[in-house]
Amino acid sequence: MDEKDFYSSKIDVISAIPDDKIMSPVNMPVSVYIQEAEDLFTWCQPDKEKLSANGLQWELVEDLPARIDTLREAQGRWENSDLDDLEVERLWSEKLPAAQELRKDLIRAMKFVFYNSTSRLDKIEKFSEGFSSAAMIQSLRGLALFGKDHLEELKASKFDVTKLDKADAISRELGSLLGAVHARRAYCSDSLKIRNQAYTHLREAISEVKRHAEYVLCDEPARLKGYASSHGRKRYLKSRNKKNQQDNDNLTDTEE
């Protein structure tokens, strides 16, 4: 069975993990966690008899490859969805400033043209309300329609009426793009949740294996060492060395 098959066979299981049980990777890259899980699967094989005798269900160990590959697949899917999301966000960020500036320009110009009409000024003022992206897009559409309803008066005032078509076109373009942004964000969020569920599924098994090993192999430090996280040990040593260096620096400062 390949990675895709593992993922397909596990998707219902991991999706059923409730929100209050979902864990997310902390202080360790997923790629590192996956490799440590691979290492643990190999390392624990010689201890099968002892671990099983202590009550560890060996089927849990045998299921590690499926859980590992499921997390690897889920991580890859989330990373790809994130890249797509970034591209859509980039396009949105590029086009948004010009749209906001056009909205501001149209409102200012129309207020100038219709300065002596309270009813029209009230309508124009409503187009300036709202700071959300959706409100801005709707304002551009409304301004375009309002301007076309009063086209002759705008032309007479030397107003650049081509901006009305531009506002209409931009509102349609950004409306479609915003829909894509929302869709990508939702997809990315779903992919991240599945990744975290896959991580939780693997971590539950890893934690159970380590729990039994710590108890059974407490008098065998050479074997027990292989159940500890290399990444965690390196982080601990780095933190300890940094603290020792700071203590030495403080001691030197005090002596001076």
C-alpha atoms as a PDB file:
ATOM      1  CA  MET A   1       0.000   0.000   0.000  1.00  0.00           C
ATOM      2  CA  ASP A   2       1.443   3.385  -0.963  1.00  0.00           C
ATOM      3  CA  GLU A   3       1.154   6.736   0.817  1.00  0.00           C
ATOM      4  CA  LYS A   4      -2.013   7.750  -1.018  1.00  0.00           C
ATOM      5  CA  ASP A   5      -3.659   4.461  -0.016  1.00  0.00           C
ATOM      6  CA  PHE A   6      -2.707   4.995   3.628  1.00  0.00           C
ATOM      7  CA  TYR A   7      -4.188   8.482   3.547  1.00  0.00           C
ATOM      8  CA  SER A   8      -7.388   7.281   1.893  1.00  0.00           C
ATOM      9  CA  SER A   9      -7.821   4.477   4.404  1.00  0.00           C
ATOM     10  CA  LYS A  10      -7.200   6.790   7.354  1.00  0.00           C
ATOM     11  CA  ILE A  11      -9.128   9.899   6.328  1.00  0.00           C
ATOM     12  CA  ASP A  12     -12.372   8.812   8.033  1.00  0.00           C
ATOM     13  CA  VAL A  13     -10.502   7.895  11.205  1.00  0.00           C
ATOM     14  CA  ILE A  14      -8.582  11.155  11.524  1.00  0.00           C
ATOM     15  CA  SER A  15     -11.556  13.298  10.475  1.00  0.00           C
ATOM     16  CA  ALA A  16     -13.535  11.813  13.362  1.00  0.00           C
ATOM     17  CA  ILE A  17     -11.086  13.205  15.941  1.00  0.00           C
ATOM     18  CA  PRO A  18     -13.110  15.895  17.786  1.00  0.00           C
ATOM     19  CA  ASP A  19     -11.944  19.493  17.911  1.00  0.00           C
ATOM     20  CA  ASP A  20     -11.217  19.403  21.644  1.00  0.00           C
ATOM     21  CA  LYS A  21      -8.805  16.491  21.109  1.00  0.00           C
ATOM     22  CA  ILE A  22      -6.873  17.901  18.147  1.00  0.00           C
ATOM     23  CA  MET A  23      -3.229  18.760  18.811  1.00  0.00           C
ATOM     24  CA  SER A  24      -0.868  20.777  16.636  1.00  0.00           C
ATOM     25  CA  PRO A  25       2.918  20.543  16.262  1.00  0.00           C
ATOM     26  CA  VAL A  26       4.806  22.718  18.739  1.00  0.00           C
ATOM     27  CA  ASN A  27       8.562  23.336  18.847  1.00  0.00           C
ATOM     28  CA  MET A  28       9.265  20.716  16.192  1.00  0.00           C
ATOM     29  CA  PRO A  29       8.903  20.806  12.380  1.00  0.00           C
ATOM     30  CA  VAL A  30       6.504  18.160  11.107  1.00  0.00           C
ATOM     31  CA  SER A  31       9.191  16.732   8.843  1.00  0.00           C
ATOM     32  CA  VAL A  32      11.398  16.147  11.884  1.00  0.00           C
ATOM     33  CA  TYR A  33       8.542  14.606  13.853  1.00  0.00           C
ATOM     34  CA  ILE A  34       7.817  12.225  10.983  1.00  0.00           C
ATOM     35  CA  GLN A  35      11.439  11.131  10.802  1.00  0.00           C
ATOM     36  CA  GLU A  36      11.604  10.575  14.543  1.00  0.00           C
ATOM     37  CA  ALA A  37       8.454   8.459  14.256  1.00  0.00           C
ATOM     38  CA  GLU A  38      10.123   6.416  11.509  1.00  0.00           C
ATOM     39  CA  ASP A  39      13.173   5.964  13.734  1.00  0.00           C
ATOM     40  CA  LEU A  40      11.029   4.935  16.699  1.00  0.00           C
ATOM     41  CA  PHE A  41       9.219   2.306  14.639  1.00  0.00           C
ATOM     42  CA  THR A  42      12.547   0.680  13.786  1.00  0.00           C
ATOM     43  CA  TRP A  43      14.047   1.138  17.250  1.00  0.00           C
ATOM     44  CA  CYS A  44      11.198  -0.474  19.195  1.00  0.00           C
ATOM     45  CA  GLN A  45      11.189  -3.747  17.245  1.00  0.00           C
ATOM     46  CA  PRO A  46      13.778  -5.538  19.471  1.00  0.00           C
ATOM     47  CA  ASP A  47      11.670  -4.589  22.525  1.00  0.00           C
ATOM     48  CA  LYS A  48       8.477  -6.133  21.191  1.00  0.00           C
ATOM     49  CA  GLU A  49       8.326  -8.931  23.732  1.00  0.00           C
ATOM     50  CA  LYS A  50       8.897  -6.681  26.750  1.00  0.00           C
ATOM     51  CA  LEU A  51       6.531  -3.967  25.566  1.00  0.00           C
ATOM     52  CA  SER A  52       3.788  -6.424  24.660  1.00  0.00           C
ATOM     53  CA  ALA A  53       4.164  -8.212  27.991  1.00  0.00           C
ATOM     54  CA  ASN A  54       3.607  -4.848  29.677  1.00  0.00           C
ATOM     55  CA  GLY A  55       0.259  -4.462  27.902  1.00  0.00           C
ATOM     56  CA  LEU A  56       1.175  -2.484  24.802  1.00  0.00           C
ATOM     57  CA  GLN A  57      -1.034  -3.538  21.927  1.00  0.00           C
ATOM     58  CA  TRP A  58       1.520  -4.346  19.233  1.00  0.00           C
ATOM     59  CA  GLU A  59      -1.056  -3.598  16.561  1.00  0.00           C
ATOM     60  CA  LEU A  60      -0.503   0.028  17.504  1.00  0.00           C
ATOM     61  CA  VAL A  61       3.165  -0.272  16.539  1.00  0.00           C
ATOM     62  CA  GLU A  62       2.269  -2.062  13.323  1.00  0.00           C
ATOM     63  CA  ASP A  63      -0.068   0.826  12.488  1.00  0.00           C
ATOM     64  CA  LEU A  64       2.711   3.415  12.790  1.00  0.00           C
ATOM     65  CA  PRO A  65       3.697   3.323   9.074  1.00  0.00           C
ATOM     66  CA  ALA A  66       0.096   4.076   8.072  1.00  0.00           C
ATOM     67  CA  ARG A  67      -0.130   6.933  10.564  1.00  0.00           C
ATOM     68  CA  ILE A  68       3.247   8.295   9.499  1.00  0.00           C
ATOM     69  CA  ASP A  69       2.402   8.300   5.812  1.00  0.00           C
ATOM     70  CA  THR A  70      -1.017   9.798   6.506  1.00  0.00           C
ATOM     71  CA  LEU A  71       0.616  12.724   8.282  1.00  0.00           C
ATOM     72  CA  ARG A  72       3.167  13.082   5.493  1.00  0.00           C
ATOM     73  CA  GLU A  73       0.367  13.210   2.905  1.00  0.00           C
ATOM     74  CA  ALA A  74      -1.744  15.614   4.976  1.00  0.00           C
ATOM     75  CA  GLN A  75       1.252  17.889   5.503  1.00  0.00           C
ATOM     76  CA  GLY A  76       1.944  17.958   1.764  1.00  0.00           C
ATOM     77  CA  ARG A  77      -1.664  18.768   0.944  1.00  0.00           C
ATOM     78  CA  TRP A  78      -1.743  21.592   3.470  1.00  0.00           C
ATOM     79  CA  GLU A  79       1.530  23.053   2.195  1.00  0.00           C
ATOM     80  CA  ASN A  80       0.222  23.025  -1.381  1.00  0.00           C
ATOM     81  CA  SER A  81      -3.077  24.647  -0.382  1.00  0.00           C
ATOM     82  CA  ASP A  82      -1.119  27.302   1.500  1.00  0.00           C
ATOM     83  CA  LEU A  83       0.957  28.105  -1.596  1.00  0.00           C
ATOM     84  CA  ASP A  84      -2.193  28.489  -3.689  1.00  0.00           C
ATOM     85  CA  ASP A  85      -3.692  30.692  -1.018  1.00  0.00           C
ATOM     86  CA  LEU A  86      -0.623  32.923  -1.000  1.00  0.00           C
ATOM     87  CA  GLU A  87      -0.873  33.428  -4.773  1.00  0.00           C
ATOM     88  CA  VAL A  88      -4.529  34.476  -4.556  1.00  0.00           C
ATOM     89  CA  GLU A  89      -3.735  36.753  -1.628  1.00  0.00           C
ATOM     90  CA  ARG A  90      -0.904  38.311  -3.628  1.00  0.00           C
ATOM     91  CA  LEU A  91      -3.215  39.162  -6.524  1.00  0.00           C
ATOM     92  CA  TRP A  92      -5.782  40.581  -4.127  1.00  0.00           C
ATOM     93  CA  SER A  93      -3.173  42.717  -2.362  1.00  0.00           C
ATOM     94  CA  GLU A  94      -1.898  44.066  -5.682  1.00  0.00           C
ATOM     95  CA  LYS A  95      -5.320  45.178  -6.937  1.00  0.00           C
ATOM     96  CA  LEU A  96      -6.886  46.376  -3.694  1.00  0.00           C
ATOM     97  CA  PRO A  97      -5.050  49.745  -3.292  1.00  0.00           C
ATOM     98  CA  ALA A  98      -6.084  50.967  -6.763  1.00  0.00           C
ATOM     99  CA  ALA A  99      -9.706  50.023  -6.082  1.00  0.00           C
ATOM    100  CA  GLN A 100      -9.695  51.854  -2.762  1.00  0.00           C
ATOM    101  CA  GLU A 101      -8.189  54.923  -4.398  1.00  0.00           C
ATOM    102  CA  LEU A 102     -10.791  54.867  -7.200  1.00  0.00           C
ATOM    103  CA  ARG A 103     -13.595  54.653  -4.649  1.00  0.00           C
ATOM    104  CA  LYS A 104     -12.202  57.643  -2.793  1.00  0.00           C
ATOM    105  CA  ASP A 105     -11.724  59.602  -6.030  1.00  0.00           C
ATOM    106  CA  LEU A 106     -15.272  58.942  -7.269  1.00  0.00           C
ATOM    107  CA  ILE A 107     -16.849  59.933  -3.955  1.00  0.00           C
ATOM    108  CA  ARG A 108     -14.836  63.147  -3.772  1.00  0.00           C
ATOM    109  CA  ALA A 109     -15.625  64.100  -7.393  1.00  0.00           C
ATOM    110  CA  MET A 110     -19.340  63.326  -7.111  1.00  0.00           C
ATOM    111  CA  LYS A 111     -19.669  65.290  -3.898  1.00  0.00           C
ATOM    112  CA  PHE A 112     -18.153  68.234  -5.730  1.00  0.00           C
ATOM    113  CA  VAL A 113     -20.529  67.906  -8.699  1.00  0.00           C
ATOM    114  CA  PHE A 114     -23.688  67.467  -6.601  1.00  0.00           C
ATOM    115  CA  TYR A 115     -22.735  69.822  -3.742  1.00  0.00           C
ATOM    116  CA  ASN A 116     -26.103  71.621  -3.896  1.00  0.00           C
ATOM    117  CA  SER A 117     -28.291  68.466  -3.808  1.00  0.00           C
ATOM    118  CA  THR A 118     -28.832  67.141  -0.303  1.00  0.00           C
ATOM    119  CA  SER A 119     -30.599  63.970  -1.445  1.00  0.00           C
ATOM    120  CA  ARG A 120     -27.809  63.077  -3.861  1.00  0.00           C
ATOM    121  CA  LEU A 121     -25.114  63.890  -1.327  1.00  0.00           C
ATOM    122  CA  ASP A 122     -26.816  61.539   1.130  1.00  0.00           C
ATOM    123  CA  LYS A 123     -26.688  58.741  -1.441  1.00  0.00           C
ATOM    124  CA  ILE A 124     -23.037  59.435  -2.237  1.00  0.00           C
ATOM    125  CA  GLU A 125     -22.203  59.492   1.462  1.00  0.00           C
ATOM    126  CA  LYS A 126     -23.617  55.989   1.851  1.00  0.00           C
ATOM    127  CA  PHE A 127     -21.091  54.772  -0.721  1.00  0.00           C
ATOM    128  CA  SER A 128     -18.306  55.792   1.654  1.00  0.00           C
ATOM    129  CA  GLU A 129     -19.678  53.687   4.493  1.00  0.00           C
ATOM    130  CA  GLY A 130     -18.048  50.407   5.450  1.00  0.00           C
ATOM    131  CA  PHE A 131     -14.401  49.456   5.536  1.00  0.00           C
ATOM    132  CA  SER A 132     -14.644  45.777   4.678  1.00  0.00           C
ATOM    133  CA  SER A 133     -13.520  44.460   1.314  1.00  0.00           C
ATOM    134  CA  ALA A 134     -17.079  43.472   0.470  1.00  0.00           C
ATOM    135  CA  ALA A 135     -18.323  46.976   1.335  1.00  0.00           C
ATOM    136  CA  MET A 136     -15.660  48.551  -0.851  1.00  0.00           C
ATOM    137  CA  ILE A 137     -16.576  46.331  -3.818  1.00  0.00           C
ATOM    138  CA  GLN A 138     -20.274  47.079  -3.381  1.00  0.00           C
ATOM    139  CA  SER A 139     -19.517  50.813  -3.172  1.00  0.00           C
ATOM    140  CA  LEU A 140     -17.732  50.747  -6.518  1.00  0.00           C
ATOM    141  CA  ARG A 141     -20.708  49.026  -8.129  1.00  0.00           C
ATOM    142  CA  GLY A 142     -23.118  51.476  -6.541  1.00  0.00           C
ATOM    143  CA  LEU A 143     -21.048  54.488  -7.582  1.00  0.00           C
ATOM    144  CA  ALA A 144     -20.918  53.214 -11.157  1.00  0.00           C
ATOM    145  CA  LEU A 145     -24.701  52.803 -11.298  1.00  0.00           C
ATOM    146  CA  PHE A 146     -25.343  56.147  -9.600  1.00  0.00           C
ATOM    147  CA  GLY A 147     -22.999  57.904 -12.016  1.00  0.00           C
ATOM    148  CA  LYS A 148     -24.677  56.374 -15.070  1.00  0.00           C
ATOM    149  CA  ASP A 149     -28.070  57.480 -13.759  1.00  0.00           C
ATOM    150  CA  HIS A 150     -26.738  61.060 -13.721  1.00  0.00           C
ATOM    151  CA  LEU A 151     -24.459  60.780 -16.724  1.00  0.00           C
ATOM    152  CA  GLU A 152     -25.393  64.039 -18.470  1.00  0.00           C
ATOM    153  CA  GLU A 153     -24.835  66.142 -15.376  1.00  0.00           C
ATOM    154  CA  LEU A 154     -21.462  64.509 -14.794  1.00  0.00           C
ATOM    155  CA  LYS A 155     -20.424  65.103 -18.402  1.00  0.00           C
ATOM    156  CA  ALA A 156     -21.437  68.747 -18.125  1.00  0.00           C
ATOM    157  CA  SER A 157     -19.168  69.160 -15.107  1.00  0.00           C
ATOM    158  CA  LYS A 158     -16.143  67.762 -16.970  1.00  0.00           C
ATOM    159  CA  PHE A 159     -16.231  64.593 -14.856  1.00  0.00           C
ATOM    160  CA  ASP A 160     -14.222  61.747 -16.405  1.00  0.00           C
ATOM    161  CA  VAL A 161     -17.105  59.362 -17.092  1.00  0.00           C
ATOM    162  CA  THR A 162     -14.739  56.572 -18.165  1.00  0.00           C
ATOM    163  CA  LYS A 163     -14.123  56.059 -14.455  1.00  0.00           C
ATOM    164  CA  LEU A 164     -17.656  54.721 -14.138  1.00  0.00           C
ATOM    165  CA  ASP A 165     -16.971  51.804 -16.471  1.00  0.00           C
ATOM    166  CA  LYS A 166     -13.655  51.297 -14.709  1.00  0.00           C
ATOM    167  CA  ALA A 167     -15.391  51.149 -11.320  1.00  0.00           C
ATOM    168  CA  ASP A 168     -17.924  48.648 -12.657  1.00  0.00           C
ATOM    169  CA  ALA A 169     -15.210  46.435 -14.155  1.00  0.00           C
ATOM    170  CA  ILE A 170     -13.041  46.557 -11.037  1.00  0.00           C
ATOM    171  CA  SER A 171     -15.979  45.732  -8.768  1.00  0.00           C
ATOM    172  CA  ARG A 172     -16.734  42.640 -10.839  1.00  0.00           C
ATOM    173  CA  GLU A 173     -13.094  41.574 -10.975  1.00  0.00           C
ATOM    174  CA  LEU A 174     -12.486  42.068  -7.269  1.00  0.00           C
ATOM    175  CA  GLY A 175     -15.787  40.433  -6.386  1.00  0.00           C
ATOM    176  CA  SER A 176     -14.686  37.294  -8.191  1.00  0.00           C
ATOM    177  CA  LEU A 177     -11.203  37.503  -6.705  1.00  0.00           C
ATOM    178  CA  LEU A 178     -12.525  37.979  -3.173  1.00  0.00           C
ATOM    179  CA  GLY A 179     -14.649  34.887  -3.645  1.00  0.00           C
ATOM    180  CA  ALA A 180     -11.506  32.989  -4.612  1.00  0.00           C
ATOM    181  CA  VAL A 181      -9.675  34.384  -1.577  1.00  0.00           C
ATOM    182  CA  HIS A 182     -12.452  33.227   0.757  1.00  0.00           C
ATOM    183  CA  ALA A 183     -12.579  29.816  -0.915  1.00  0.00           C
ATOM    184  CA  ARG A 184      -8.821  29.347  -0.666  1.00  0.00           C
ATOM    185  CA  ARG A 185      -8.794  30.435   2.975  1.00  0.00           C
ATOM    186  CA  ALA A 186     -11.547  27.968   3.770  1.00  0.00           C
ATOM    187  CA  TYR A 187      -9.746  25.172   1.900  1.00  0.00           C
ATOM    188  CA  CYS A 188      -6.448  25.983   3.538  1.00  0.00           C
ATOM    189  CA  SER A 189      -8.145  26.008   6.942  1.00  0.00           C
ATOM    190  CA  ASP A 190      -9.708  22.609   6.265  1.00  0.00           C
ATOM    191  CA  SER A 191      -6.359  21.223   5.083  1.00  0.00           C
ATOM    192  CA  LEU A 192      -4.645  22.507   8.202  1.00  0.00           C
ATOM    193  CA  LYS A 193      -7.267  20.893  10.422  1.00  0.00           C
ATOM    194  CA  ILE A 194      -6.806  17.548   8.672  1.00  0.00           C
ATOM    195  CA  ARG A 195      -3.029  17.891   9.024  1.00  0.00           C
ATOM    196  CA  ASN A 196      -3.419  18.495  12.745  1.00  0.00           C
ATOM    197  CA  GLN A 197      -5.805  15.554  13.052  1.00  0.00           C
ATOM    198  CA  ALA A 198      -3.271  13.327  11.280  1.00  0.00           C
ATOM    199  CA  TYR A 199      -0.582  14.642  13.629  1.00  0.00           C
ATOM    200  CA  THR A 200      -2.815  13.882  16.626  1.00  0.00           C
ATOM    201  CA  HIS A 201      -3.456  10.356  15.363  1.00  0.00           C
ATOM    202  CA  LEU A 202       0.264   9.676  15.052  1.00  0.00           C
ATOM    203  CA  ARG A 203       1.165  11.369  18.306  1.00  0.00           C
ATOM    204  CA  GLU A 204      -1.352   9.298  20.257  1.00  0.00           C
ATOM    205  CA  ALA A 205       0.391   6.120  19.094  1.00  0.00           C
ATOM    206  CA  ILE A 206       3.896   7.490  19.655  1.00  0.00           C
ATOM    207  CA  SER A 207       2.999   8.646  23.166  1.00  0.00           C
ATOM    208  CA  GLU A 208       1.584   5.249  24.062  1.00  0.00           C
ATOM    209  CA  VAL A 209       4.683   3.412  22.841  1.00  0.00           C
ATOM    210  CA  LYS A 210       6.966   5.782  24.738  1.00  0.00           C
ATOM    211  CA  ARG A 211       4.843   5.532  27.892  1.00  0.00           C
ATOM    212  CA  HIS A 212       5.308   1.753  27.981  1.00  0.00           C
ATOM    213  CA  ALA A 213       8.997   1.983  27.094  1.00  0.00           C
ATOM    214  CA  GLU A 214       9.738   4.465  29.891  1.00  0.00           C
ATOM    215  CA  TYR A 215       8.217   2.065  32.386  1.00  0.00           C
ATOM    216  CA  VAL A 216       9.576  -1.226  31.064  1.00  0.00           C
ATOM    217  CA  LEU A 217      13.076  -0.032  30.178  1.00  0.00           C
ATOM    218  CA  CYS A 218      13.744   2.225  33.161  1.00  0.00           C
ATOM    219  CA  ASP A 219      16.760   0.090  34.078  1.00  0.00           C
ATOM    220  CA  GLU A 220      18.084  -0.060  30.506  1.00  0.00           C
ATOM    221  CA  PRO A 221      19.271   3.475  29.706  1.00  0.00           C
ATOM    222  CA  ALA A 222      20.958   2.363  26.482  1.00  0.00           C
ATOM    223  CA  ARG A 223      17.625   1.103  25.122  1.00  0.00           C
ATOM    224  CA  LEU A 224      15.535   3.852  26.676  1.00  0.00           C
ATOM    225  CA  LYS A 225      17.661   6.503  25.001  1.00  0.00           C
ATOM    226  CA  GLY A 226      16.291   5.511  21.622  1.00  0.00           C
ATOM    227  CA  TYR A 227      12.765   6.453  22.698  1.00  0.00           C
ATOM    228  CA  ALA A 228      13.712  10.032  23.517  1.00  0.00           C
ATOM    229  CA  SER A 229      13.366  12.818  20.967  1.00  0.00           C
ATOM    230  CA  SER A 230      16.697  13.776  19.410  1.00  0.00           C
ATOM    231  CA  HIS A 231      15.248  17.128  18.418  1.00  0.00           C
ATOM    232  CA  GLY A 232      14.026  17.744  21.942  1.00  0.00           C
ATOM    233  CA  ARG A 233      17.418  16.786  23.376  1.00  0.00           C
ATOM    234  CA  LYS A 234      19.194  19.189  21.009  1.00  0.00           C
ATOM    235  CA  ARG A 235      16.794  22.003  21.955  1.00  0.00           C
ATOM    236  CA  TYR A 236      17.399  21.302  25.632  1.00  0.00           C
ATOM    237  CA  LEU A 237      21.185  21.306  25.243  1.00  0.00           C
ATOM    238  CA  LYS A 238      21.091  24.490  23.191  1.00  0.00           C
ATOM    239  CA  SER A 239      18.918  26.188  25.801  1.00  0.00           C
ATOM    240  CA  ARG A 240      21.129  24.977  28.644  1.00  0.00           C
ATOM    241  CA  ASN A 241      24.312  26.141  26.913  1.00  0.00           C
ATOM    242  CA  LYS A 242      22.762  29.528  26.252  1.00  0.00           C
ATOM    243  CA  LYS A 243      21.765  29.872  29.898  1.00  0.00           C
ATOM    244  CA  ASN A 244      25.244  28.844  31.064  1.00  0.00           C
ATOM    245  CA  GLN A 245      26.758  31.434  28.739  1.00  0.00           C
ATOM    246  CA  GLN A 246      24.456  34.117  30.107  1.00  0.00           C
ATOM    247  CA  ASP A 247      25.322  33.117  33.683  1.00  0.00           C
ATOM    248  CA  ASN A 248      29.028  33.321  32.857  1.00  0.00           C
ATOM    249  CA  ASP A 249      28.580  36.731  31.237  1.00  0.00           C
ATOM    250  CA  ASN A 250      26.667  37.994  34.267  1.00  0.00           C
ATOM    251  CA  LEU A 251      29.371  36.643  36.579  1.00  0.00           C
ATOM    252  CA  THR A 252      32.063  38.381  34.527  1.00  0.00           C
ATOM    253  CA  ASP A 253      30.143  41.667  34.628  1.00  0.00           C
ATOM    254  CA  THR A 254      29.795  41.380  38.403  1.00  0.00           C
ATOM    255  CA  GLU A 255      33.501  40.740  38.895  1.00  0.00           C
ATOM    256  CA  GLU A 256      34.364  43.777  36.799  1.00  0.00           C
END
